[in-house]
């Protein structure tokens, strides 16, 4: 009786083990490929066009995947701490020159993950519309030493600059006193003064006004941006950047800005709560042209940020659908 039932018993044991094995395997698979949480993905919006449009581009892709998305205004420096503590889910434009230090601090504390680079490289610095090169307003540009000439500086004044040429910086929250420190370190303080714009719109308004009035202007700008088209903007050539040259790092501040990364980052829990969205976000790598086009819809075509995102998604379906694979 024992010998007759033994094959049946062994067969039953094998069947049970097989069921347990495949059930366990399937459950693990369900965890990896399970649906994203219904909790909203919180995307920060700052105060320059490409960042806001890209927020809605990415949000539109996430929503198309079935996710809920929430957009929140956020300080461009403090956002990394907000992401670290979970108030913000992702950051999609981490500019090395402006925000690298704040980003690194958050990563070192824990709770923020580096989620890869865009294909675009970044540069943020002072410069001027390229038409000034042929205007005679400041011979010697783009070399910064051309700014030592009083005959140059007088062509870049404003009514409230006390006769000094003006560098129009972005909002002070972007870089603090980086540009005033550089101007002073270069020995230009007697001829030039730094003023801060309220936002990116004020920079573009200054570009347009200067062209109409045929007067000099030096403003803060960056690439990738809509101004990349047609070589319409030229960056000043400052002493080259090297590690440690900025005041915050113990340097004298004479140096220009570095050619830098343009990163993405996420809250450390994002890959767990939204594995599908996190994987797609990891794949996203926009080019200089992509990002410039996003900004151009707003700054040239005067669309709203939301409409610009819709227009970009419609025109670049092959680009963003490739991120889904």
C-alpha atoms as a PDB file:
ATOM      1  CA  UNK A   1       0.000   0.000   0.000  1.00  0.00           C
ATOM      2  CA  UNK A   2       2.851   2.350   0.899  1.00  0.00           C
ATOM      3  CA  UNK A   3       4.764   1.570  -2.268  1.00  0.00           C
ATOM      4  CA  UNK A   4       1.657   2.058  -4.430  1.00  0.00           C
ATOM      5  CA  UNK A   5       0.833   5.505  -2.977  1.00  0.00           C
ATOM      6  CA  UNK A   6       4.391   6.819  -2.908  1.00  0.00           C
ATOM      7  CA  UNK A   7       4.408   8.061  -6.544  1.00  0.00           C
ATOM      8  CA  UNK A   8       1.110   9.851  -5.933  1.00  0.00           C
ATOM      9  CA  UNK A   9       2.443  11.506  -2.777  1.00  0.00           C
ATOM     10  CA  UNK A  10       5.655  12.598  -4.509  1.00  0.00           C
ATOM     11  CA  UNK A  11       3.673  13.875  -7.485  1.00  0.00           C
ATOM     12  CA  UNK A  12       1.440  15.888  -5.169  1.00  0.00           C
ATOM     13  CA  UNK A  13       4.415  17.423  -3.413  1.00  0.00           C
ATOM     14  CA  UNK A  14       5.991  18.396  -6.751  1.00  0.00           C
ATOM     15  CA  UNK A  15       2.701  19.974  -7.871  1.00  0.00           C
ATOM     16  CA  UNK A  16       2.397  21.990  -4.657  1.00  0.00           C
ATOM     17  CA  UNK A  17       6.007  23.209  -4.948  1.00  0.00           C
ATOM     18  CA  UNK A  18       5.391  24.208  -8.569  1.00  0.00           C
ATOM     19  CA  UNK A  19       2.258  26.139  -7.633  1.00  0.00           C
ATOM     20  CA  UNK A  20       4.087  27.948  -4.844  1.00  0.00           C
ATOM     21  CA  UNK A  21       7.046  28.736  -7.145  1.00  0.00           C
ATOM     22  CA  UNK A  22       4.970  30.213  -9.939  1.00  0.00           C
ATOM     23  CA  UNK A  23       2.660  32.060  -7.569  1.00  0.00           C
ATOM     24  CA  UNK A  24       5.687  33.656  -5.916  1.00  0.00           C
ATOM     25  CA  UNK A  25       7.198  34.477  -9.296  1.00  0.00           C
ATOM     26  CA  UNK A  26       3.948  36.082 -10.467  1.00  0.00           C
ATOM     27  CA  UNK A  27       3.602  38.104  -7.268  1.00  0.00           C
ATOM     28  CA  UNK A  28       7.134  39.477  -7.684  1.00  0.00           C
ATOM     29  CA  UNK A  29       6.348  40.353 -11.265  1.00  0.00           C
ATOM     30  CA  UNK A  30       3.188  42.154 -10.126  1.00  0.00           C
ATOM     31  CA  UNK A  31       5.218  44.245  -7.704  1.00  0.00           C
ATOM     32  CA  UNK A  32       7.661  45.338 -10.425  1.00  0.00           C
ATOM     33  CA  UNK A  33       5.085  46.048 -13.111  1.00  0.00           C
ATOM     34  CA  UNK A  34       2.217  47.092 -10.880  1.00  0.00           C
ATOM     35  CA  UNK A  35       0.218  50.234 -11.524  1.00  0.00           C
ATOM     36  CA  UNK A  36       1.485  53.565 -10.282  1.00  0.00           C
ATOM     37  CA  UNK A  37       0.016  54.999  -7.098  1.00  0.00           C
ATOM     38  CA  UNK A  38      -3.051  57.209  -7.441  1.00  0.00           C
ATOM     39  CA  UNK A  39      -1.273  59.853  -5.344  1.00  0.00           C
ATOM     40  CA  UNK A  40      -0.400  62.858  -7.519  1.00  0.00           C
ATOM     41  CA  UNK A  41       3.074  63.326  -8.977  1.00  0.00           C
ATOM     42  CA  UNK A  42       4.019  66.812  -7.756  1.00  0.00           C
ATOM     43  CA  UNK A  43       5.916  68.794 -10.393  1.00  0.00           C
ATOM     44  CA  UNK A  44       7.506  72.154  -9.477  1.00  0.00           C
ATOM     45  CA  UNK A  45       7.169  75.249 -11.667  1.00  0.00           C
ATOM     46  CA  UNK A  46       9.763  78.022 -11.506  1.00  0.00           C
ATOM     47  CA  UNK A  47      10.068  81.349 -13.324  1.00  0.00           C
ATOM     48  CA  UNK A  48      11.523  80.713 -16.776  1.00  0.00           C
ATOM     49  CA  UNK A  49       9.668  79.494 -19.832  1.00  0.00           C
ATOM     50  CA  UNK A  50      11.375  76.240 -20.768  1.00  0.00           C
ATOM     51  CA  UNK A  51      11.090  74.928 -17.217  1.00  0.00           C
ATOM     52  CA  UNK A  52       7.371  75.694 -16.956  1.00  0.00           C
ATOM     53  CA  UNK A  53       6.545  74.362 -20.428  1.00  0.00           C
ATOM     54  CA  UNK A  54       8.596  71.219 -19.810  1.00  0.00           C
ATOM     55  CA  UNK A  55       6.741  70.717 -16.522  1.00  0.00           C
ATOM     56  CA  UNK A  56       3.479  70.560 -18.474  1.00  0.00           C
ATOM     57  CA  UNK A  57       5.029  68.419 -21.231  1.00  0.00           C
ATOM     58  CA  UNK A  58       6.165  65.862 -18.661  1.00  0.00           C
ATOM     59  CA  UNK A  59       2.900  66.169 -16.750  1.00  0.00           C
ATOM     60  CA  UNK A  60       0.968  65.575 -19.966  1.00  0.00           C
ATOM     61  CA  UNK A  61       2.953  62.397 -20.623  1.00  0.00           C
ATOM     62  CA  UNK A  62       2.355  61.179 -17.065  1.00  0.00           C
ATOM     63  CA  UNK A  63      -1.371  61.935 -17.334  1.00  0.00           C
ATOM     64  CA  UNK A  64      -1.500  60.038 -20.626  1.00  0.00           C
ATOM     65  CA  UNK A  65      -0.164  57.044 -18.685  1.00  0.00           C
ATOM     66  CA  UNK A  66      -3.076  57.340 -16.249  1.00  0.00           C
ATOM     67  CA  UNK A  67      -1.280  59.208 -13.482  1.00  0.00           C
ATOM     68  CA  UNK A  68      -2.519  62.154 -11.462  1.00  0.00           C
ATOM     69  CA  UNK A  69      -0.342  65.280 -11.617  1.00  0.00           C
ATOM     70  CA  UNK A  70      -0.144  68.381  -9.474  1.00  0.00           C
ATOM     71  CA  UNK A  71       1.839  71.534 -10.337  1.00  0.00           C
ATOM     72  CA  UNK A  72       3.188  73.704  -7.528  1.00  0.00           C
ATOM     73  CA  UNK A  73       5.156  76.977  -7.615  1.00  0.00           C
ATOM     74  CA  UNK A  74       8.593  76.400  -6.066  1.00  0.00           C
ATOM     75  CA  UNK A  75      11.748  78.365  -5.354  1.00  0.00           C
ATOM     76  CA  UNK A  76      14.460  77.237  -7.767  1.00  0.00           C
ATOM     77  CA  UNK A  77      17.049  76.776  -4.976  1.00  0.00           C
ATOM     78  CA  UNK A  78      14.837  75.453  -2.176  1.00  0.00           C
ATOM     79  CA  UNK A  79      13.087  72.921  -4.439  1.00  0.00           C
ATOM     80  CA  UNK A  80      15.735  70.249  -3.806  1.00  0.00           C
ATOM     81  CA  UNK A  81      15.112  70.264  -0.067  1.00  0.00           C
ATOM     82  CA  UNK A  82      11.366  70.224  -0.804  1.00  0.00           C
ATOM     83  CA  UNK A  83      11.909  67.182  -2.986  1.00  0.00           C
ATOM     84  CA  UNK A  84      14.079  65.530  -0.331  1.00  0.00           C
ATOM     85  CA  UNK A  85      11.318  65.748   2.283  1.00  0.00           C
ATOM     86  CA  UNK A  86       8.620  64.642  -0.162  1.00  0.00           C
ATOM     87  CA  UNK A  87       6.740  67.882  -0.851  1.00  0.00           C
ATOM     88  CA  UNK A  88       7.837  67.729  -4.507  1.00  0.00           C
ATOM     89  CA  UNK A  89       8.249  64.536  -6.536  1.00  0.00           C
ATOM     90  CA  UNK A  90      10.612  65.428  -9.387  1.00  0.00           C
ATOM     91  CA  UNK A  91      12.822  68.200 -10.711  1.00  0.00           C
ATOM     92  CA  UNK A  92      13.322  68.215 -14.471  1.00  0.00           C
ATOM     93  CA  UNK A  93      15.751  71.114 -15.085  1.00  0.00           C
ATOM     94  CA  UNK A  94      18.682  70.952 -12.668  1.00  0.00           C
ATOM     95  CA  UNK A  95      21.171  73.488 -14.062  1.00  0.00           C
ATOM     96  CA  UNK A  96      24.687  72.762 -12.829  1.00  0.00           C
ATOM     97  CA  UNK A  97      25.921  76.357 -12.689  1.00  0.00           C
ATOM     98  CA  UNK A  98      22.939  77.809 -10.841  1.00  0.00           C
ATOM     99  CA  UNK A  99      21.587  74.920  -8.795  1.00  0.00           C
ATOM    100  CA  UNK A 100      24.305  72.261  -8.658  1.00  0.00           C
ATOM    101  CA  UNK A 101      25.320  73.097  -5.094  1.00  0.00           C
ATOM    102  CA  UNK A 102      21.757  72.958  -3.733  1.00  0.00           C
ATOM    103  CA  UNK A 103      21.146  69.716  -5.620  1.00  0.00           C
ATOM    104  CA  UNK A 104      24.346  68.095  -4.328  1.00  0.00           C
ATOM    105  CA  UNK A 105      23.489  69.089  -0.757  1.00  0.00           C
ATOM    106  CA  UNK A 106      20.074  67.414  -1.010  1.00  0.00           C
ATOM    107  CA  UNK A 107      21.553  64.250  -2.527  1.00  0.00           C
ATOM    108  CA  UNK A 108      24.176  64.022   0.228  1.00  0.00           C
ATOM    109  CA  UNK A 109      21.505  64.359   2.937  1.00  0.00           C
ATOM    110  CA  UNK A 110      19.563  61.472   1.416  1.00  0.00           C
ATOM    111  CA  UNK A 111      16.084  61.323  -0.080  1.00  0.00           C
ATOM    112  CA  UNK A 112      16.949  62.689  -3.556  1.00  0.00           C
ATOM    113  CA  UNK A 113      18.173  60.601  -6.491  1.00  0.00           C
ATOM    114  CA  UNK A 114      20.107  61.705  -9.566  1.00  0.00           C
ATOM    115  CA  UNK A 115      17.852  60.552 -12.394  1.00  0.00           C
ATOM    116  CA  UNK A 116      20.193  61.205 -15.333  1.00  0.00           C
ATOM    117  CA  UNK A 117      21.074  64.017 -17.729  1.00  0.00           C
ATOM    118  CA  UNK A 118      19.283  65.561 -20.668  1.00  0.00           C
ATOM    119  CA  UNK A 119      21.148  65.399 -23.970  1.00  0.00           C
ATOM    120  CA  UNK A 120      21.420  69.185 -23.893  1.00  0.00           C
ATOM    121  CA  UNK A 121      24.401  70.780 -22.152  1.00  0.00           C
ATOM    122  CA  UNK A 122      23.884  74.037 -20.274  1.00  0.00           C
ATOM    123  CA  UNK A 123      25.567  77.431 -20.078  1.00  0.00           C
ATOM    124  CA  UNK A 124      24.318  80.372 -18.007  1.00  0.00           C
ATOM    125  CA  UNK A 125      26.111  83.691 -18.208  1.00  0.00           C
ATOM    126  CA  UNK A 126      26.064  87.356 -19.172  1.00  0.00           C
ATOM    127  CA  UNK A 127      25.980  88.282 -22.843  1.00  0.00           C
ATOM    128  CA  UNK A 128      24.373  90.454 -25.461  1.00  0.00           C
ATOM    129  CA  UNK A 129      22.283  90.276 -28.660  1.00  0.00           C
ATOM    130  CA  UNK A 130      24.625  89.419 -31.521  1.00  0.00           C
ATOM    131  CA  UNK A 131      23.676  92.485 -33.565  1.00  0.00           C
ATOM    132  CA  UNK A 132      25.723  94.595 -31.115  1.00  0.00           C
ATOM    133  CA  UNK A 133      28.929  93.116 -32.564  1.00  0.00           C
ATOM    134  CA  UNK A 134      28.450  95.162 -35.748  1.00  0.00           C
ATOM    135  CA  UNK A 135      26.940  98.233 -34.072  1.00  0.00           C
ATOM    136  CA  UNK A 136      30.112  99.979 -32.909  1.00  0.00           C
ATOM    137  CA  UNK A 137      28.647 100.329 -29.408  1.00  0.00           C
ATOM    138  CA  UNK A 138      31.470  98.368 -27.777  1.00  0.00           C
ATOM    139  CA  UNK A 139      34.446  97.427 -29.972  1.00  0.00           C
ATOM    140  CA  UNK A 140      36.299  94.367 -28.765  1.00  0.00           C
ATOM    141  CA  UNK A 141      33.302  92.288 -27.723  1.00  0.00           C
ATOM    142  CA  UNK A 142      32.774  89.459 -26.896  1.00  0.00           C
ATOM    143  CA  UNK A 143      36.025  89.655 -24.874  1.00  0.00           C
ATOM    144  CA  UNK A 144      35.092  90.936 -21.416  1.00  0.00           C
ATOM    145  CA  UNK A 145      38.049  93.368 -21.441  1.00  0.00           C
ATOM    146  CA  UNK A 146      36.130  95.520 -23.922  1.00  0.00           C
ATOM    147  CA  UNK A 147      33.967  96.493 -20.915  1.00  0.00           C
ATOM    148  CA  UNK A 148      36.928  98.379 -19.398  1.00  0.00           C
ATOM    149  CA  UNK A 149      36.366 101.214 -21.853  1.00  0.00           C
ATOM    150  CA  UNK A 150      34.293 104.203 -20.636  1.00  0.00           C
ATOM    151  CA  UNK A 151      33.260 104.732 -24.264  1.00  0.00           C
ATOM    152  CA  UNK A 152      31.700 101.263 -24.191  1.00  0.00           C
ATOM    153  CA  UNK A 153      30.039 101.564 -20.784  1.00  0.00           C
ATOM    154  CA  UNK A 154      28.292 104.847 -21.635  1.00  0.00           C
ATOM    155  CA  UNK A 155      26.300 103.055 -24.367  1.00  0.00           C
ATOM    156  CA  UNK A 156      24.818 100.580 -21.866  1.00  0.00           C
ATOM    157  CA  UNK A 157      23.428 102.934 -19.206  1.00  0.00           C
ATOM    158  CA  UNK A 158      19.868 103.187 -17.933  1.00  0.00           C
ATOM    159  CA  UNK A 159      18.020 106.189 -16.442  1.00  0.00           C
ATOM    160  CA  UNK A 160      18.598 104.900 -12.898  1.00  0.00           C
ATOM    161  CA  UNK A 161      22.200 103.661 -13.220  1.00  0.00           C
ATOM    162  CA  UNK A 162      23.999 106.925 -12.354  1.00  0.00           C
ATOM    163  CA  UNK A 163      25.846 106.953 -15.650  1.00  0.00           C
ATOM    164  CA  UNK A 164      27.159 103.414 -15.272  1.00  0.00           C
ATOM    165  CA  UNK A 165      26.668 100.622 -17.775  1.00  0.00           C
ATOM    166  CA  UNK A 166      24.174  97.980 -16.649  1.00  0.00           C
ATOM    167  CA  UNK A 167      24.396  94.212 -16.415  1.00  0.00           C
ATOM    168  CA  UNK A 168      20.807  93.017 -16.149  1.00  0.00           C
ATOM    169  CA  UNK A 169      20.928  89.797 -14.124  1.00  0.00           C
ATOM    170  CA  UNK A 170      18.076  87.359 -13.576  1.00  0.00           C
ATOM    171  CA  UNK A 171      16.187  87.320 -10.274  1.00  0.00           C
ATOM    172  CA  UNK A 172      18.576  87.417  -7.315  1.00  0.00           C
ATOM    173  CA  UNK A 173      17.150  84.082  -6.107  1.00  0.00           C
ATOM    174  CA  UNK A 174      18.849  82.395  -9.075  1.00  0.00           C
ATOM    175  CA  UNK A 175      22.505  83.174  -8.324  1.00  0.00           C
ATOM    176  CA  UNK A 176      22.628  85.435  -5.272  1.00  0.00           C
ATOM    177  CA  UNK A 177      25.503  87.929  -5.584  1.00  0.00           C
ATOM    178  CA  UNK A 178      27.536  85.910  -8.104  1.00  0.00           C
ATOM    179  CA  UNK A 179      27.480  88.604 -10.809  1.00  0.00           C
ATOM    180  CA  UNK A 180      28.096  91.616  -8.521  1.00  0.00           C
ATOM    181  CA  UNK A 181      31.068  89.715  -7.066  1.00  0.00           C
ATOM    182  CA  UNK A 182      32.406  88.985 -10.556  1.00  0.00           C
ATOM    183  CA  UNK A 183      32.020  92.576 -11.707  1.00  0.00           C
ATOM    184  CA  UNK A 184      33.938  93.782  -8.655  1.00  0.00           C
ATOM    185  CA  UNK A 185      36.655  91.115  -8.994  1.00  0.00           C
ATOM    186  CA  UNK A 186      37.232  92.123 -12.616  1.00  0.00           C
ATOM    187  CA  UNK A 187      37.723  95.749 -11.591  1.00  0.00           C
ATOM    188  CA  UNK A 188      34.651  96.995 -13.462  1.00  0.00           C
ATOM    189  CA  UNK A 189      32.785  98.519 -10.508  1.00  0.00           C
ATOM    190  CA  UNK A 190      33.573 102.134 -11.465  1.00  0.00           C
ATOM    191  CA  UNK A 191      31.964 101.754 -14.888  1.00  0.00           C
ATOM    192  CA  UNK A 192      29.273  99.098 -14.485  1.00  0.00           C
ATOM    193  CA  UNK A 193      26.542  98.072 -12.059  1.00  0.00           C
ATOM    194  CA  UNK A 194      24.446  94.891 -11.738  1.00  0.00           C
ATOM    195  CA  UNK A 195      20.660  95.159 -11.589  1.00  0.00           C
ATOM    196  CA  UNK A 196      18.298  92.243 -11.016  1.00  0.00           C
ATOM    197  CA  UNK A 197      15.290  91.458 -13.204  1.00  0.00           C
ATOM    198  CA  UNK A 198      12.032  90.368 -11.630  1.00  0.00           C
ATOM    199  CA  UNK A 199      11.816  87.326 -13.892  1.00  0.00           C
ATOM    200  CA  UNK A 200      12.711  85.938 -17.297  1.00  0.00           C
ATOM    201  CA  UNK A 201      10.024  88.049 -19.013  1.00  0.00           C
ATOM    202  CA  UNK A 202      11.873  91.207 -17.956  1.00  0.00           C
ATOM    203  CA  UNK A 203      15.048  89.934 -19.632  1.00  0.00           C
ATOM    204  CA  UNK A 204      13.282  89.322 -22.942  1.00  0.00           C
ATOM    205  CA  UNK A 205      11.505  92.681 -22.725  1.00  0.00           C
ATOM    206  CA  UNK A 206      14.912  94.334 -22.311  1.00  0.00           C
ATOM    207  CA  UNK A 207      16.265  92.494 -25.371  1.00  0.00           C
ATOM    208  CA  UNK A 208      13.353  93.695 -27.475  1.00  0.00           C
ATOM    209  CA  UNK A 209      13.496  97.280 -26.177  1.00  0.00           C
ATOM    210  CA  UNK A 210      17.243  97.576 -26.759  1.00  0.00           C
ATOM    211  CA  UNK A 211      16.882  96.442 -30.352  1.00  0.00           C
ATOM    212  CA  UNK A 212      14.104  98.933 -31.060  1.00  0.00           C
ATOM    213  CA  UNK A 213      16.061 101.771 -29.461  1.00  0.00           C
ATOM    214  CA  UNK A 214      19.381 100.618 -30.965  1.00  0.00           C
ATOM    215  CA  UNK A 215      21.091 100.868 -27.589  1.00  0.00           C
ATOM    216  CA  UNK A 216      23.468  98.544 -25.839  1.00  0.00           C
ATOM    217  CA  UNK A 217      22.306  95.878 -23.423  1.00  0.00           C
ATOM    218  CA  UNK A 218      24.082  93.172 -21.445  1.00  0.00           C
ATOM    219  CA  UNK A 219      21.770  90.632 -19.885  1.00  0.00           C
ATOM    220  CA  UNK A 220      21.869  87.259 -18.220  1.00  0.00           C
ATOM    221  CA  UNK A 221      20.862  84.417 -20.519  1.00  0.00           C
ATOM    222  CA  UNK A 222      21.248  80.686 -20.875  1.00  0.00           C
ATOM    223  CA  UNK A 223      21.326  77.870 -23.348  1.00  0.00           C
ATOM    224  CA  UNK A 224      19.281  75.891 -24.191  1.00  0.00           C
ATOM    225  CA  UNK A 225      16.815  78.707 -24.781  1.00  0.00           C
ATOM    226  CA  UNK A 226      14.755  80.223 -27.585  1.00  0.00           C
ATOM    227  CA  UNK A 227      17.581  82.722 -28.234  1.00  0.00           C
ATOM    228  CA  UNK A 228      19.720  79.885 -29.644  1.00  0.00           C
ATOM    229  CA  UNK A 229      17.874  80.157 -32.955  1.00  0.00           C
ATOM    230  CA  UNK A 230      19.867  81.846 -35.695  1.00  0.00           C
ATOM    231  CA  UNK A 231      22.813  82.713 -33.464  1.00  0.00           C
ATOM    232  CA  UNK A 232      20.889  85.641 -32.047  1.00  0.00           C
ATOM    233  CA  UNK A 233      22.772  85.837 -28.747  1.00  0.00           C
ATOM    234  CA  UNK A 234      26.478  85.920 -27.856  1.00  0.00           C
ATOM    235  CA  UNK A 235      27.935  85.155 -24.425  1.00  0.00           C
ATOM    236  CA  UNK A 236      30.724  87.327 -23.033  1.00  0.00           C
ATOM    237  CA  UNK A 237      34.105  85.635 -22.870  1.00  0.00           C
ATOM    238  CA  UNK A 238      35.207  85.845 -19.237  1.00  0.00           C
ATOM    239  CA  UNK A 239      38.290  84.214 -17.702  1.00  0.00           C
ATOM    240  CA  UNK A 240      37.627  80.456 -17.961  1.00  0.00           C
ATOM    241  CA  UNK A 241      35.873  78.622 -15.175  1.00  0.00           C
ATOM    242  CA  UNK A 242      37.896  76.261 -13.025  1.00  0.00           C
ATOM    243  CA  UNK A 243      36.930  74.395  -9.896  1.00  0.00           C
ATOM    244  CA  UNK A 244      37.166  76.626  -6.827  1.00  0.00           C
ATOM    245  CA  UNK A 245      37.146  79.930  -8.718  1.00  0.00           C
ATOM    246  CA  UNK A 246      33.803  81.186  -7.401  1.00  0.00           C
ATOM    247  CA  UNK A 247      33.517  83.086  -4.087  1.00  0.00           C
ATOM    248  CA  UNK A 248      31.291  80.397  -2.574  1.00  0.00           C
ATOM    249  CA  UNK A 249      34.136  77.940  -3.184  1.00  0.00           C
ATOM    250  CA  UNK A 250      36.862  80.264  -1.897  1.00  0.00           C
ATOM    251  CA  UNK A 251      37.827  81.850  -5.239  1.00  0.00           C
ATOM    252  CA  UNK A 252      38.040  85.504  -6.238  1.00  0.00           C
ATOM    253  CA  UNK A 253      35.001  85.269  -8.539  1.00  0.00           C
ATOM    254  CA  UNK A 254      36.653  86.511 -11.735  1.00  0.00           C
ATOM    255  CA  UNK A 255      35.760  83.414 -13.726  1.00  0.00           C
ATOM    256  CA  UNK A 256      32.909  82.847 -16.130  1.00  0.00           C
ATOM    257  CA  UNK A 257      30.375  80.058 -15.857  1.00  0.00           C
ATOM    258  CA  UNK A 258      31.066  76.391 -16.622  1.00  0.00           C
ATOM    259  CA  UNK A 259      29.715  74.338 -19.456  1.00  0.00           C
ATOM    260  CA  UNK A 260      27.476  72.194 -17.307  1.00  0.00           C
ATOM    261  CA  UNK A 261      24.987  69.379 -17.062  1.00  0.00           C
ATOM    262  CA  UNK A 262      21.229  69.707 -17.265  1.00  0.00           C
ATOM    263  CA  UNK A 263      19.881  67.003 -14.981  1.00  0.00           C
ATOM    264  CA  UNK A 264      16.722  65.358 -13.750  1.00  0.00           C
ATOM    265  CA  UNK A 265      16.192  64.270 -10.156  1.00  0.00           C
ATOM    266  CA  UNK A 266      13.502  62.557  -8.116  1.00  0.00           C
ATOM    267  CA  UNK A 267      12.387  61.962  -4.566  1.00  0.00           C
ATOM    268  CA  UNK A 268      13.822  58.610  -3.467  1.00  0.00           C
ATOM    269  CA  UNK A 269      10.351  57.084  -3.032  1.00  0.00           C
ATOM    270  CA  UNK A 270       9.184  57.925  -6.555  1.00  0.00           C
ATOM    271  CA  UNK A 271      10.467  54.695  -8.172  1.00  0.00           C
ATOM    272  CA  UNK A 272       8.562  52.736  -5.510  1.00  0.00           C
ATOM    273  CA  UNK A 273       5.271  54.634  -5.584  1.00  0.00           C
ATOM    274  CA  UNK A 274       5.221  55.283  -9.356  1.00  0.00           C
ATOM    275  CA  UNK A 275       7.495  52.680 -10.981  1.00  0.00           C
ATOM    276  CA  UNK A 276       6.122  53.135 -14.503  1.00  0.00           C
ATOM    277  CA  UNK A 277       6.293  56.942 -14.453  1.00  0.00           C
ATOM    278  CA  UNK A 278       9.749  56.820 -12.862  1.00  0.00           C
ATOM    279  CA  UNK A 279      11.006  54.550 -15.648  1.00  0.00           C
ATOM    280  CA  UNK A 280       9.645  56.871 -18.344  1.00  0.00           C
ATOM    281  CA  UNK A 281      11.111  59.930 -16.620  1.00  0.00           C
ATOM    282  CA  UNK A 282      14.466  58.153 -16.487  1.00  0.00           C
ATOM    283  CA  UNK A 283      14.281  57.727 -20.271  1.00  0.00           C
ATOM    284  CA  UNK A 284      13.538  61.391 -20.938  1.00  0.00           C
ATOM    285  CA  UNK A 285      16.518  63.208 -22.454  1.00  0.00           C
ATOM    286  CA  UNK A 286      15.642  66.419 -24.267  1.00  0.00           C
ATOM    287  CA  UNK A 287      18.036  68.131 -26.686  1.00  0.00           C
ATOM    288  CA  UNK A 288      18.984  71.806 -26.965  1.00  0.00           C
ATOM    289  CA  UNK A 289      16.554  72.127 -29.870  1.00  0.00           C
ATOM    290  CA  UNK A 290      13.689  70.474 -27.983  1.00  0.00           C
ATOM    291  CA  UNK A 291      14.080  72.794 -25.002  1.00  0.00           C
ATOM    292  CA  UNK A 292      14.581  75.897 -27.127  1.00  0.00           C
ATOM    293  CA  UNK A 293      11.376  75.106 -29.022  1.00  0.00           C
ATOM    294  CA  UNK A 294       9.440  74.733 -25.762  1.00  0.00           C
ATOM    295  CA  UNK A 295      10.546  78.201 -24.688  1.00  0.00           C
ATOM    296  CA  UNK A 296       9.954  79.734 -28.135  1.00  0.00           C
ATOM    297  CA  UNK A 297       6.256  78.831 -28.067  1.00  0.00           C
ATOM    298  CA  UNK A 298       5.916  81.167 -25.075  1.00  0.00           C
ATOM    299  CA  UNK A 299       8.587  83.828 -25.572  1.00  0.00           C
ATOM    300  CA  UNK A 300       8.159  84.256 -29.343  1.00  0.00           C
ATOM    301  CA  UNK A 301       4.704  82.891 -30.185  1.00  0.00           C
ATOM    302  CA  UNK A 302       3.178  84.232 -26.945  1.00  0.00           C
ATOM    303  CA  UNK A 303       1.311  81.054 -26.060  1.00  0.00           C
ATOM    304  CA  UNK A 304       0.421  80.158 -22.501  1.00  0.00           C
ATOM    305  CA  UNK A 305       2.693  77.577 -20.914  1.00  0.00           C
ATOM    306  CA  UNK A 306      -0.093  75.004 -20.989  1.00  0.00           C
ATOM    307  CA  UNK A 307      -0.849  75.590 -24.693  1.00  0.00           C
ATOM    308  CA  UNK A 308       2.864  75.565 -25.488  1.00  0.00           C
ATOM    309  CA  UNK A 309       3.177  72.135 -23.886  1.00  0.00           C
ATOM    310  CA  UNK A 310       0.244  70.819 -25.917  1.00  0.00           C
ATOM    311  CA  UNK A 311       1.738  72.262 -29.105  1.00  0.00           C
ATOM    312  CA  UNK A 312       5.137  70.722 -28.380  1.00  0.00           C
ATOM    313  CA  UNK A 313       3.646  67.304 -27.630  1.00  0.00           C
ATOM    314  CA  UNK A 314       1.602  67.413 -30.845  1.00  0.00           C
ATOM    315  CA  UNK A 315       4.634  68.393 -32.947  1.00  0.00           C
ATOM    316  CA  UNK A 316       7.040  65.915 -31.333  1.00  0.00           C
ATOM    317  CA  UNK A 317       5.026  62.742 -30.929  1.00  0.00           C
ATOM    318  CA  UNK A 318       7.868  60.488 -32.120  1.00  0.00           C
ATOM    319  CA  UNK A 319      10.243  62.067 -29.609  1.00  0.00           C
ATOM    320  CA  UNK A 320       8.185  61.583 -26.459  1.00  0.00           C
ATOM    321  CA  UNK A 321       6.648  58.248 -27.434  1.00  0.00           C
ATOM    322  CA  UNK A 322      10.170  56.837 -27.630  1.00  0.00           C
ATOM    323  CA  UNK A 323      10.515  57.572 -23.896  1.00  0.00           C
ATOM    324  CA  UNK A 324       7.623  55.187 -23.175  1.00  0.00           C
ATOM    325  CA  UNK A 325       9.530  52.111 -24.344  1.00  0.00           C
END
